[in-house]
Amino acid sequence: MQAVGFGTRIRWQLNSALAIAAKDARIYYLKPPVLIFGIVFPIFIFSAFIIGRNISADILLPGLIGMTLIFTASSSTPGIAPWETARMTLERLISTPASIAAIISGDILAGFLYGLFITLVALFIGVLILGASIISPLILAADIIISAFCFAALGSLLSTLPTDNPSNIMLVSNLVRLPLLFISGVFIPIERLPSWGKAISAFSPLTYSCDLARHALLGDGYFPVPFGLSVLLAFTVGFYFIGIQIHKKSMPLRLS
């Protein structure tokens, strides 16, 4: 009986997470901050980098994939908790049998799917229109899937600040994401960074995401593929569980 009860509870929490992800996708994907900071903003940054420079699509695409992943997957999750707090719908979620872990997992799943979809569109454009080639589809698939979940979990971790003002979270989010662009091999390959730059880049999950994309598209990365995947997975697990633990402590502050 205990095993059946435990399995039922697990299924309920999984169904709750899926329902919350569907709700987030329906409500938040088209929010102006999500569109601006998730799609428009990275397009302008990347365009400013490539305009006037004769760079092939194969070299550009790994950085484009990394930038698309971090901005799209982490664009909706930071704002969901403040939006729910301001609209007083968070109280209704907390009052349901869904656990805080299920609620946060649903938010992360919504960000994951958003980042995955937009990144696949960018990849489609790079391969079919710009003529880039994929050397290792398996490495690329693993990179995109793990990175999308990692950055969605990062966005949820950034949203643990107990505020009902989404602009405060978006400010903190960009203070974290923007510096990562310049130390993670998006614009400058890691091997061309100075020694201190290489040391700092090791602490960025975007570094390993872009490096794995370089392996998949160019056959040339800085870190070994198993090491890059392992570190990226470690970041993902860390962001996920640390974020849930902090949310459990910050939720009562939101409702007070």
Foldseek 3Di string as FASTA:
>chain_A
DVVVVVVVLVVVLQVLLQVLLVVLLVPFCPPVQLCCQQPVVLVVVLCVLPPPHPDALLLQLLLVLLSNLLRQLLRRQLQPVLQCLVVVVVVVVPPDPHDLLSNSSSQNVNSLVRSLVVSVVSVCCSCVPRPFDWQAPVLLVLLSNLSSSLSNLLSLLLNLPQHNDSVVSVVVSCVPPVVLSVLQCSNNALVPDPPVSVVVNVPDLSNLSSQSSCCGGVVDGDDDSVVSSVVSNVSSVVSSVVSSVSNVVSVVVSVD
